[in-house]
C-alpha cells in the first residue's frame, strides 16, 4: 500500500510541477493578426513554493504540448488510483 501511495504522491507532485506555475501576467511578442504555433507568449510566473515571479517565454506549440502532457499525467494518476487495491 505504501509503495502505491508513494508512487501516487510522486506522480501528483510531477503533475503539479508541470502545471503548477501560477501565471501573473501575459504579454505576447507577436505582431497584430499573427496567430501561429510559432508565436511566442511571455508570462510572469511564480514557481510553486516561491514568491518571486520569473519571466518565461514559450511558443504556443510548447504551451499546448505542456498542457497535453499535464492532462495525460493527471489521467494516468486517476487510472492508477482506480486500479489500486486497498490493503485490508
C-alpha atoms as a PDB file:
ATOM      1  CA  UNK A   1       0.000   0.000   0.000  1.00  0.00           C
ATOM      2  CA  UNK A   2       2.745   2.475   0.905  1.00  0.00           C
ATOM      3  CA  UNK A   3       4.522   1.757  -2.342  1.00  0.00           C
ATOM      4  CA  UNK A   4       1.363   2.629  -4.310  1.00  0.00           C
ATOM      5  CA  UNK A   5       0.743   5.732  -2.212  1.00  0.00           C
ATOM      6  CA  UNK A   6       4.304   6.962  -2.649  1.00  0.00           C
ATOM      7  CA  UNK A   7       4.026   6.435  -6.412  1.00  0.00           C
ATOM      8  CA  UNK A   8       0.729   8.336  -6.496  1.00  0.00           C
ATOM      9  CA  UNK A   9       2.258  11.136  -4.419  1.00  0.00           C
ATOM     10  CA  UNK A  10       5.276  11.315  -6.738  1.00  0.00           C
ATOM     11  CA  UNK A  11       3.033  11.379  -9.810  1.00  0.00           C
ATOM     12  CA  UNK A  12       0.914  14.099  -8.216  1.00  0.00           C
ATOM     13  CA  UNK A  13       3.999  16.157  -7.475  1.00  0.00           C
ATOM     14  CA  UNK A  14       5.101  15.714 -11.084  1.00  0.00           C
ATOM     15  CA  UNK A  15       1.728  16.929 -12.335  1.00  0.00           C
ATOM     16  CA  UNK A  16       1.887  19.945 -10.039  1.00  0.00           C
ATOM     17  CA  UNK A  17       5.416  20.773 -11.072  1.00  0.00           C
ATOM     18  CA  UNK A  18       4.430  20.559 -14.724  1.00  0.00           C
ATOM     19  CA  UNK A  19       1.310  22.647 -14.442  1.00  0.00           C
ATOM     20  CA  UNK A  20       1.790  24.284 -11.045  1.00  0.00           C
ATOM     21  CA  UNK A  21       3.147  27.579 -12.219  1.00  0.00           C
ATOM     22  CA  UNK A  22       0.885  30.463 -11.373  1.00  0.00           C
ATOM     23  CA  UNK A  23       0.726  32.996 -14.166  1.00  0.00           C
ATOM     24  CA  UNK A  24       0.950  36.614 -13.058  1.00  0.00           C
ATOM     25  CA  UNK A  25       0.578  38.419 -16.361  1.00  0.00           C
ATOM     26  CA  UNK A  26       0.710  37.666 -20.056  1.00  0.00           C
ATOM     27  CA  UNK A  27       2.325  39.559 -22.910  1.00  0.00           C
ATOM     28  CA  UNK A  28       2.627  38.293 -26.463  1.00  0.00           C
ATOM     29  CA  UNK A  29       5.506  39.153 -28.717  1.00  0.00           C
ATOM     30  CA  UNK A  30       3.530  38.611 -31.931  1.00  0.00           C
ATOM     31  CA  UNK A  31       2.527  41.314 -34.338  1.00  0.00           C
ATOM     32  CA  UNK A  32      -1.148  42.153 -34.788  1.00  0.00           C
ATOM     33  CA  UNK A  33      -3.042  39.465 -36.678  1.00  0.00           C
ATOM     34  CA  UNK A  34      -0.339  36.811 -36.257  1.00  0.00           C
ATOM     35  CA  UNK A  35      -1.687  33.727 -34.509  1.00  0.00           C
ATOM     36  CA  UNK A  36       0.545  30.803 -35.391  1.00  0.00           C
ATOM     37  CA  UNK A  37       2.053  27.965 -33.401  1.00  0.00           C
ATOM     38  CA  UNK A  38       5.443  29.708 -33.533  1.00  0.00           C
ATOM     39  CA  UNK A  39       4.131  32.854 -31.810  1.00  0.00           C
ATOM     40  CA  UNK A  40       5.994  33.438 -28.563  1.00  0.00           C
ATOM     41  CA  UNK A  41       3.983  34.169 -25.448  1.00  0.00           C
ATOM     42  CA  UNK A  42       5.770  35.581 -22.410  1.00  0.00           C
ATOM     43  CA  UNK A  43       4.307  35.380 -18.917  1.00  0.00           C
ATOM     44  CA  UNK A  44       5.499  36.178 -15.426  1.00  0.00           C
ATOM     45  CA  UNK A  45       5.095  33.014 -13.372  1.00  0.00           C
ATOM     46  CA  UNK A  46       5.641  32.183  -9.732  1.00  0.00           C
ATOM     47  CA  UNK A  47       7.101  28.696  -9.433  1.00  0.00           C
ATOM     48  CA  UNK A  48       5.368  26.550  -6.832  1.00  0.00           C
ATOM     49  CA  UNK A  49       6.758  27.374  -3.388  1.00  0.00           C
ATOM     50  CA  UNK A  50       8.198  30.726  -4.415  1.00  0.00           C
ATOM     51  CA  UNK A  51       7.047  34.321  -4.040  1.00  0.00           C
ATOM     52  CA  UNK A  52       9.423  35.519  -6.751  1.00  0.00           C
ATOM     53  CA  UNK A  53       7.936  35.714 -10.238  1.00  0.00           C
ATOM     54  CA  UNK A  54      10.133  34.954 -13.244  1.00  0.00           C
ATOM     55  CA  UNK A  55       9.523  35.741 -16.899  1.00  0.00           C
ATOM     56  CA  UNK A  56       9.061  32.661 -19.059  1.00  0.00           C
ATOM     57  CA  UNK A  57       8.609  32.744 -22.835  1.00  0.00           C
ATOM     58  CA  UNK A  58       7.259  29.791 -24.816  1.00  0.00           C
ATOM     59  CA  UNK A  59       5.764  29.248 -28.236  1.00  0.00           C
ATOM     60  CA  UNK A  60       2.064  28.462 -28.499  1.00  0.00           C
ATOM     61  CA  UNK A  61       3.057  24.945 -29.610  1.00  0.00           C
ATOM     62  CA  UNK A  62       5.141  24.454 -26.451  1.00  0.00           C
ATOM     63  CA  UNK A  63       2.267  25.659 -24.272  1.00  0.00           C
ATOM     64  CA  UNK A  64      -0.141  23.238 -25.969  1.00  0.00           C
ATOM     65  CA  UNK A  65       2.339  20.361 -25.529  1.00  0.00           C
ATOM     66  CA  UNK A  66       2.836  21.144 -21.821  1.00  0.00           C
ATOM     67  CA  UNK A  67      -0.933  21.236 -21.258  1.00  0.00           C
ATOM     68  CA  UNK A  68      -1.376  17.908 -23.039  1.00  0.00           C
ATOM     69  CA  UNK A  69       1.442  16.310 -21.002  1.00  0.00           C
ATOM     70  CA  UNK A  70      -0.091  17.589 -17.747  1.00  0.00           C
ATOM     71  CA  UNK A  71      -3.538  16.295 -18.773  1.00  0.00           C
ATOM     72  CA  UNK A  72      -2.112  12.858 -19.616  1.00  0.00           C
ATOM     73  CA  UNK A  73      -0.254  12.717 -16.295  1.00  0.00           C
ATOM     74  CA  UNK A  74      -3.388  13.555 -14.335  1.00  0.00           C
ATOM     75  CA  UNK A  75      -5.373  10.929 -16.271  1.00  0.00           C
ATOM     76  CA  UNK A  76      -2.662   8.356 -15.534  1.00  0.00           C
ATOM     77  CA  UNK A  77      -2.841   9.188 -11.832  1.00  0.00           C
ATOM     78  CA  UNK A  78      -6.603   8.651 -11.969  1.00  0.00           C
ATOM     79  CA  UNK A  79      -6.150   5.261 -13.643  1.00  0.00           C
ATOM     80  CA  UNK A  80      -3.589   4.205 -11.028  1.00  0.00           C
ATOM     81  CA  UNK A  81      -5.850   5.289  -8.169  1.00  0.00           C
ATOM     82  CA  UNK A  82      -8.823   3.485  -9.727  1.00  0.00           C
ATOM     83  CA  UNK A  83      -6.913   0.209 -10.085  1.00  0.00           C
ATOM     84  CA  UNK A  84      -5.086   0.367  -6.734  1.00  0.00           C
ATOM     85  CA  UNK A  85      -6.402  -2.190  -4.276  1.00  0.00           C
ATOM     86  CA  UNK A  86      -6.512  -1.137  -0.624  1.00  0.00           C
ATOM     87  CA  UNK A  87      -4.697  -3.311   1.892  1.00  0.00           C
ATOM     88  CA  UNK A  88      -7.212  -4.867   4.257  1.00  0.00           C
END
